[in-house]
Amino acid sequence: MNALPSPSLLGAAALALLAGLVPAISQAQAGAACERAAVDAGARNACAVLDFQAADTANTILYGDVMRALSAHERPALRKDQTAWARQRITACKTAHASEEALADWPARYHQCLRLTTEARRAALMHWLQHGEGK
């Protein structure tokens, strides 16, 4: 016969569930605010950071999934590839937007570049997932 979980275990599970929901609710509210952000550079900057963070989180999750799917001898190559890509992403976006650093919405432009580059990385990770190290 299966035993019922203890009340303390149920309480801990409820707290964990709520802790997971609070960031999701905050991000949803922020997303709605970003849709309404008109010409305010501060709002554009904040929204661009949130968009980048969402893309980066999705990329990190996919990377972890691919790492788990690869064989042990393929993982170091993906780790090296991912690290090189991450460095290149930052360098490329900083270079692309260096002349705009004095602008009030420079952070938005920089983070949009990071987001687009991060979203484009999905194709490379999917290739790793489907084909492994053999490019």
N, C-alpha and C. Protein backbone atom coordinates (compact mmCIF):
# COMPACT_ATOMS: atom_id res chain seq x y z
N MET A 1 0.84 -1.18 0.00
CA MET A 1 0.00 0.00 0.00
C MET A 1 0.88 1.24 0.00
N ASN A 2 0.54 2.25 -0.83
CA ASN A 2 1.31 3.47 -0.93
C ASN A 2 1.00 4.38 0.24
N ALA A 3 2.03 4.91 0.86
CA ALA A 3 1.85 5.85 1.97
C ALA A 3 1.63 7.24 1.42
N LEU A 4 0.81 8.02 2.08
CA LEU A 4 0.59 9.41 1.69
C LEU A 4 1.79 10.24 2.11
N PRO A 5 2.13 11.29 1.31
CA PRO A 5 3.25 12.14 1.68
C PRO A 5 2.93 12.88 2.98
N SER A 6 3.98 13.17 3.73
CA SER A 6 3.79 13.89 4.99
C SER A 6 3.37 15.32 4.71
N PRO A 7 2.67 15.96 5.65
CA PRO A 7 2.26 17.35 5.46
C PRO A 7 3.45 18.27 5.21
N SER A 8 4.57 18.02 5.88
CA SER A 8 5.73 18.89 5.67
C SER A 8 6.27 18.74 4.26
N LEU A 9 6.21 17.53 3.70
CA LEU A 9 6.65 17.31 2.33
C LEU A 9 5.71 18.02 1.37
N LEU A 10 4.42 17.95 1.62
CA LEU A 10 3.45 18.65 0.78
C LEU A 10 3.66 20.15 0.86
N GLY A 11 3.94 20.67 2.06
CA GLY A 11 4.20 22.11 2.22
C GLY A 11 5.44 22.53 1.45
N ALA A 12 6.47 21.72 1.51
CA ALA A 12 7.71 22.04 0.79
C ALA A 12 7.46 22.03 -0.72
N ALA A 13 6.66 21.08 -1.18
CA ALA A 13 6.35 21.01 -2.60
C ALA A 13 5.54 22.23 -3.04
N ALA A 14 4.62 22.66 -2.20
CA ALA A 14 3.82 23.85 -2.51
C ALA A 14 4.70 25.09 -2.58
N LEU A 15 5.64 25.21 -1.64
CA LEU A 15 6.55 26.36 -1.65
C LEU A 15 7.43 26.35 -2.90
N ALA A 16 7.90 25.18 -3.28
CA ALA A 16 8.73 25.08 -4.48
C ALA A 16 7.93 25.47 -5.72
N LEU A 17 6.67 25.04 -5.77
CA LEU A 17 5.82 25.39 -6.89
C LEU A 17 5.60 26.89 -6.95
N LEU A 18 5.29 27.49 -5.82
CA LEU A 18 5.09 28.94 -5.78
C LEU A 18 6.36 29.69 -6.13
N ALA A 19 7.50 29.22 -5.66
CA ALA A 19 8.76 29.88 -5.97
C ALA A 19 9.02 29.87 -7.47
N GLY A 20 8.62 28.79 -8.13
CA GLY A 20 8.77 28.70 -9.57
C GLY A 20 7.81 29.58 -10.32
N LEU A 21 6.63 29.82 -9.74
CA LEU A 21 5.63 30.63 -10.41
C LEU A 21 5.89 32.12 -10.30
N VAL A 22 6.45 32.57 -9.22
CA VAL A 22 6.66 34.00 -9.02
C VAL A 22 7.53 34.60 -10.12
N PRO A 23 8.69 34.01 -10.48
CA PRO A 23 9.45 34.58 -11.57
C PRO A 23 8.68 34.56 -12.89
N ALA A 24 7.90 33.51 -13.13
CA ALA A 24 7.13 33.43 -14.37
C ALA A 24 6.08 34.54 -14.42
N ILE A 25 5.43 34.80 -13.30
CA ILE A 25 4.45 35.88 -13.25
C ILE A 25 5.14 37.21 -13.47
N SER A 26 6.27 37.44 -12.81
CA SER A 26 7.00 38.68 -12.96
C SER A 26 7.44 38.89 -14.39
N GLN A 27 7.93 37.81 -15.04
CA GLN A 27 8.35 37.94 -16.43
C GLN A 27 7.17 38.22 -17.34
N ALA A 28 6.02 37.62 -17.05
CA ALA A 28 4.83 37.89 -17.87
C ALA A 28 4.41 39.34 -17.72
N GLN A 29 4.44 39.85 -16.49
CA GLN A 29 4.09 41.25 -16.28
C GLN A 29 5.10 42.16 -16.96
N ALA A 30 6.38 41.81 -16.89
CA ALA A 30 7.41 42.61 -17.54
C ALA A 30 7.22 42.57 -19.05
N GLY A 31 6.86 41.41 -19.58
CA GLY A 31 6.62 41.30 -21.01
C GLY A 31 5.49 42.20 -21.47
N ALA A 32 4.43 42.27 -20.68
CA ALA A 32 3.31 43.16 -21.01
C ALA A 32 3.76 44.60 -20.95
N ALA A 33 4.57 44.94 -19.95
CA ALA A 33 5.07 46.31 -19.84
C ALA A 33 5.98 46.63 -21.03
N CYS A 34 6.75 45.67 -21.49
CA CYS A 34 7.63 45.89 -22.63
C CYS A 34 6.84 46.14 -23.90
N GLU A 35 5.72 45.48 -24.04
CA GLU A 35 4.89 45.72 -25.22
C GLU A 35 4.36 47.15 -25.25
N ARG A 36 4.18 47.73 -24.04
CA ARG A 36 3.65 49.08 -23.96
C ARG A 36 4.75 50.14 -23.94
N ALA A 37 6.00 49.72 -23.81
CA ALA A 37 7.12 50.68 -23.73
C ALA A 37 7.24 51.38 -25.07
N ALA A 38 7.01 52.66 -25.05
CA ALA A 38 7.02 53.43 -26.29
C ALA A 38 8.42 53.98 -26.58
N VAL A 39 8.66 55.17 -26.16
CA VAL A 39 9.90 55.84 -26.54
C VAL A 39 10.88 55.98 -25.38
N ASP A 40 10.56 55.46 -24.23
CA ASP A 40 11.42 55.56 -23.06
C ASP A 40 12.64 54.65 -23.21
N ALA A 41 13.82 55.25 -23.30
CA ALA A 41 15.04 54.46 -23.48
C ALA A 41 15.27 53.52 -22.31
N GLY A 42 14.97 53.96 -21.10
CA GLY A 42 15.14 53.09 -19.93
C GLY A 42 14.27 51.86 -20.02
N ALA A 43 13.04 52.02 -20.47
CA ALA A 43 12.14 50.88 -20.61
C ALA A 43 12.62 49.95 -21.72
N ARG A 44 13.09 50.52 -22.83
CA ARG A 44 13.61 49.70 -23.93
C ARG A 44 14.83 48.91 -23.46
N ASN A 45 15.69 49.57 -22.68
CA ASN A 45 16.89 48.89 -22.18
C ASN A 45 16.50 47.72 -21.28
N ALA A 46 15.58 47.98 -20.35
CA ALA A 46 15.16 46.93 -19.42
C ALA A 46 14.50 45.77 -20.16
N CYS A 47 13.68 46.07 -21.13
CA CYS A 47 12.99 45.03 -21.89
C CYS A 47 13.97 44.22 -22.73
N ALA A 48 14.97 44.89 -23.30
CA ALA A 48 15.96 44.17 -24.09
C ALA A 48 16.76 43.21 -23.22
N VAL A 49 17.06 43.62 -22.00
CA VAL A 49 17.77 42.74 -21.07
C VAL A 49 16.90 41.53 -20.76
N LEU A 50 15.61 41.75 -20.47
CA LEU A 50 14.70 40.63 -20.19
C LEU A 50 14.59 39.67 -21.37
N ASP A 51 14.50 40.22 -22.57
CA ASP A 51 14.41 39.38 -23.76
C ASP A 51 15.68 38.55 -23.94
N PHE A 52 16.84 39.20 -23.73
CA PHE A 52 18.10 38.46 -23.83
C PHE A 52 18.17 37.36 -22.77
N GLN A 53 17.79 37.69 -21.55
CA GLN A 53 17.84 36.69 -20.48
C GLN A 53 16.96 35.49 -20.79
N ALA A 54 15.79 35.73 -21.38
CA ALA A 54 14.91 34.62 -21.75
C ALA A 54 15.55 33.76 -22.83
N ALA A 55 16.15 34.39 -23.83
CA ALA A 55 16.81 33.64 -24.90
C ALA A 55 18.02 32.88 -24.35
N ASP A 56 18.77 33.52 -23.46
CA ASP A 56 19.95 32.89 -22.89
C ASP A 56 19.57 31.68 -22.02
N THR A 57 18.48 31.82 -21.29
CA THR A 57 18.00 30.70 -20.47
C THR A 57 17.58 29.53 -21.36
N ALA A 58 16.85 29.82 -22.43
CA ALA A 58 16.44 28.76 -23.36
C ALA A 58 17.66 28.09 -23.98
N ASN A 59 18.68 28.88 -24.32
CA ASN A 59 19.91 28.34 -24.89
C ASN A 59 20.63 27.45 -23.89
N THR A 60 20.69 27.89 -22.65
CA THR A 60 21.36 27.11 -21.60
C THR A 60 20.66 25.77 -21.37
N ILE A 61 19.34 25.80 -21.39
CA ILE A 61 18.57 24.56 -21.22
C ILE A 61 18.83 23.61 -22.38
N LEU A 62 18.79 24.13 -23.60
CA LEU A 62 19.05 23.29 -24.77
C LEU A 62 20.47 22.74 -24.73
N TYR A 63 21.43 23.57 -24.37
CA TYR A 63 22.83 23.12 -24.27
C TYR A 63 22.93 21.95 -23.28
N GLY A 64 22.29 22.09 -22.14
CA GLY A 64 22.31 21.00 -21.15
C GLY A 64 21.68 19.73 -21.70
N ASP A 65 20.58 19.88 -22.42
CA ASP A 65 19.92 18.71 -23.02
C ASP A 65 20.83 18.03 -24.03
N VAL A 66 21.49 18.83 -24.85
CA VAL A 66 22.40 18.27 -25.85
C VAL A 66 23.58 17.58 -25.17
N MET A 67 24.12 18.21 -24.13
CA MET A 67 25.25 17.60 -23.41
C MET A 67 24.86 16.22 -22.87
N ARG A 68 23.67 16.12 -22.32
CA ARG A 68 23.22 14.83 -21.78
C ARG A 68 22.99 13.80 -22.88
N ALA A 69 22.63 14.25 -24.07
CA ALA A 69 22.36 13.32 -25.17
C ALA A 69 23.63 12.83 -25.85
N LEU A 70 24.70 13.60 -25.76
CA LEU A 70 25.94 13.23 -26.43
C LEU A 70 26.67 12.14 -25.65
N SER A 71 27.52 11.44 -26.36
CA SER A 71 28.37 10.45 -25.69
C SER A 71 29.45 11.18 -24.89
N ALA A 72 30.04 10.50 -23.95
CA ALA A 72 31.05 11.10 -23.07
C ALA A 72 32.24 11.64 -23.85
N HIS A 73 32.61 11.00 -24.95
CA HIS A 73 33.78 11.48 -25.71
C HIS A 73 33.44 12.70 -26.58
N GLU A 74 32.15 12.97 -26.83
CA GLU A 74 31.76 14.13 -27.63
C GLU A 74 31.56 15.40 -26.79
N ARG A 75 31.29 15.22 -25.52
CA ARG A 75 30.98 16.36 -24.65
C ARG A 75 32.08 17.41 -24.56
N PRO A 76 33.35 17.03 -24.44
CA PRO A 76 34.38 18.07 -24.38
C PRO A 76 34.42 18.96 -25.62
N ALA A 77 34.16 18.38 -26.78
CA ALA A 77 34.16 19.16 -28.02
C ALA A 77 33.01 20.17 -28.02
N LEU A 78 31.83 19.76 -27.56
CA LEU A 78 30.71 20.70 -27.49
C LEU A 78 30.99 21.77 -26.45
N ARG A 79 31.55 21.40 -25.32
CA ARG A 79 31.88 22.37 -24.28
C ARG A 79 32.84 23.43 -24.83
N LYS A 80 33.85 22.99 -25.57
CA LYS A 80 34.82 23.91 -26.18
C LYS A 80 34.13 24.80 -27.21
N ASP A 81 33.28 24.20 -28.03
CA ASP A 81 32.54 24.95 -29.06
C ASP A 81 31.63 26.00 -28.42
N GLN A 82 30.93 25.62 -27.37
CA GLN A 82 30.00 26.54 -26.69
C GLN A 82 30.76 27.69 -26.04
N THR A 83 31.88 27.39 -25.43
CA THR A 83 32.68 28.44 -24.79
C THR A 83 33.22 29.42 -25.83
N ALA A 84 33.71 28.91 -26.93
CA ALA A 84 34.21 29.77 -28.01
C ALA A 84 33.08 30.63 -28.58
N TRP A 85 31.93 30.02 -28.77
CA TRP A 85 30.78 30.77 -29.28
C TRP A 85 30.39 31.89 -28.31
N ALA A 86 30.35 31.60 -27.02
CA ALA A 86 29.95 32.60 -26.03
C ALA A 86 30.91 33.79 -26.04
N ARG A 87 32.19 33.52 -26.14
CA ARG A 87 33.18 34.62 -26.21
C ARG A 87 32.99 35.43 -27.49
N GLN A 88 32.80 34.73 -28.59
CA GLN A 88 32.63 35.40 -29.88
C GLN A 88 31.36 36.24 -29.89
N ARG A 89 30.31 35.75 -29.27
CA ARG A 89 29.03 36.48 -29.20
C ARG A 89 29.23 37.83 -28.54
N ILE A 90 29.90 37.85 -27.41
CA ILE A 90 30.12 39.10 -26.68
C ILE A 90 31.00 40.05 -27.49
N THR A 91 32.10 39.52 -28.04
CA THR A 91 33.01 40.35 -28.82
C THR A 91 32.32 40.94 -30.04
N ALA A 92 31.56 40.11 -30.76
CA ALA A 92 30.89 40.58 -31.97
C ALA A 92 29.86 41.67 -31.66
N CYS A 93 29.10 41.49 -30.60
CA CYS A 93 28.07 42.48 -30.27
C CYS A 93 28.69 43.77 -29.75
N LYS A 94 29.74 43.67 -28.96
CA LYS A 94 30.42 44.88 -28.49
C LYS A 94 31.01 45.65 -29.66
N THR A 95 31.63 44.94 -30.59
CA THR A 95 32.23 45.58 -31.76
C THR A 95 31.15 46.21 -32.64
N ALA A 96 30.07 45.49 -32.86
CA ALA A 96 29.00 45.99 -33.72
C ALA A 96 28.35 47.26 -33.18
N HIS A 97 28.33 47.42 -31.87
CA HIS A 97 27.63 48.55 -31.27
C HIS A 97 28.54 49.51 -30.52
N ALA A 98 29.84 49.42 -30.76
CA ALA A 98 30.81 50.27 -30.07
C ALA A 98 30.58 51.75 -30.37
N SER A 99 30.23 52.06 -31.59
CA SER A 99 30.05 53.46 -31.97
C SER A 99 28.77 54.06 -31.38
N GLU A 100 27.91 53.25 -30.81
CA GLU A 100 26.63 53.73 -30.27
C GLU A 100 26.63 53.83 -28.75
N GLU A 101 27.79 53.59 -28.10
CA GLU A 101 27.84 53.54 -26.64
C GLU A 101 27.36 54.81 -25.95
N ALA A 102 27.45 55.94 -26.61
CA ALA A 102 27.01 57.19 -25.99
C ALA A 102 25.49 57.36 -26.04
N LEU A 103 24.81 56.55 -26.80
CA LEU A 103 23.35 56.68 -26.93
C LEU A 103 22.66 56.12 -25.69
N ALA A 104 21.54 56.72 -25.34
CA ALA A 104 20.79 56.30 -24.15
C ALA A 104 20.27 54.87 -24.28
N ASP A 105 19.99 54.44 -25.50
CA ASP A 105 19.45 53.08 -25.67
C ASP A 105 20.52 52.09 -26.13
N TRP A 106 21.79 52.41 -25.91
CA TRP A 106 22.85 51.48 -26.27
C TRP A 106 22.67 50.12 -25.60
N PRO A 107 22.32 50.06 -24.31
CA PRO A 107 22.12 48.72 -23.72
C PRO A 107 21.06 47.90 -24.45
N ALA A 108 20.01 48.55 -24.93
CA ALA A 108 18.97 47.83 -25.66
C ALA A 108 19.52 47.28 -26.97
N ARG A 109 20.30 48.08 -27.66
CA ARG A 109 20.88 47.64 -28.93
C ARG A 109 21.85 46.48 -28.71
N TYR A 110 22.68 46.61 -27.70
CA TYR A 110 23.67 45.57 -27.38
C TYR A 110 22.98 44.27 -26.98
N HIS A 111 21.98 44.37 -26.12
CA HIS A 111 21.28 43.16 -25.67
C HIS A 111 20.42 42.55 -26.77
N GLN A 112 19.92 43.37 -27.68
CA GLN A 112 19.19 42.81 -28.82
C GLN A 112 20.15 41.99 -29.69
N CYS A 113 21.36 42.50 -29.88
CA CYS A 113 22.37 41.76 -30.63
C CYS A 113 22.68 40.44 -29.93
N LEU A 114 22.86 40.49 -28.62
CA LEU A 114 23.12 39.26 -27.86
C LEU A 114 21.96 38.28 -28.00
N ARG A 115 20.73 38.80 -27.93
CA ARG A 115 19.56 37.93 -28.05
C ARG A 115 19.50 37.26 -29.42
N LEU A 116 19.68 38.05 -30.47
CA LEU A 116 19.62 37.49 -31.83
C LEU A 116 20.71 36.45 -32.06
N THR A 117 21.91 36.73 -31.57
CA THR A 117 23.01 35.79 -31.70
C THR A 117 22.73 34.51 -30.91
N THR A 118 22.15 34.68 -29.73
CA THR A 118 21.82 33.54 -28.88
C THR A 118 20.72 32.69 -29.51
N GLU A 119 19.72 33.34 -30.08
CA GLU A 119 18.65 32.60 -30.75
C GLU A 119 19.19 31.85 -31.97
N ALA A 120 20.15 32.45 -32.68
CA ALA A 120 20.73 31.80 -33.85
C ALA A 120 21.56 30.57 -33.45
N ARG A 121 22.09 30.56 -32.24
CA ARG A 121 22.89 29.43 -31.75
C ARG A 121 22.08 28.15 -31.66
N ARG A 122 20.77 28.29 -31.55
CA ARG A 122 19.89 27.13 -31.45
C ARG A 122 20.12 26.14 -32.60
N ALA A 123 20.30 26.67 -33.81
CA ALA A 123 20.51 25.80 -34.97
C ALA A 123 21.77 24.97 -34.81
N ALA A 124 22.85 25.57 -34.31
CA ALA A 124 24.10 24.82 -34.11
C ALA A 124 23.93 23.75 -33.04
N LEU A 125 23.23 24.10 -31.95
CA LEU A 125 23.01 23.11 -30.90
C LEU A 125 22.13 21.96 -31.40
N MET A 126 21.14 22.28 -32.20
CA MET A 126 20.28 21.23 -32.76
C MET A 126 21.09 20.33 -33.69
N HIS A 127 22.04 20.91 -34.42
CA HIS A 127 22.91 20.10 -35.28
C HIS A 127 23.75 19.15 -34.44
N TRP A 128 24.28 19.65 -33.33
CA TRP A 128 25.02 18.79 -32.41
C TRP A 128 24.13 17.65 -31.91
N LEU A 129 22.89 17.99 -31.59
CA LEU A 129 21.97 17.00 -31.05
C LEU A 129 21.69 15.90 -32.09
N GLN A 130 21.53 16.30 -33.34
CA GLN A 130 21.18 15.34 -34.38
C GLN A 130 22.37 14.59 -34.96
N HIS A 131 23.54 15.24 -34.98
CA HIS A 131 24.68 14.65 -35.66
C HIS A 131 25.90 14.42 -34.79
N GLY A 132 25.88 14.90 -33.58
CA GLY A 132 27.03 14.75 -32.70
C GLY A 132 28.20 15.59 -33.17
N GLU A 133 29.39 15.13 -32.84
CA GLU A 133 30.60 15.90 -33.15
C GLU A 133 30.89 15.94 -34.64
N GLY A 134 30.51 14.93 -35.37
CA GLY A 134 30.78 14.90 -36.81
C GLY A 134 29.98 15.97 -37.53
N LYS A 135 30.63 17.02 -37.89
CA LYS A 135 29.95 18.17 -38.51
C LYS A 135 29.64 17.84 -39.90
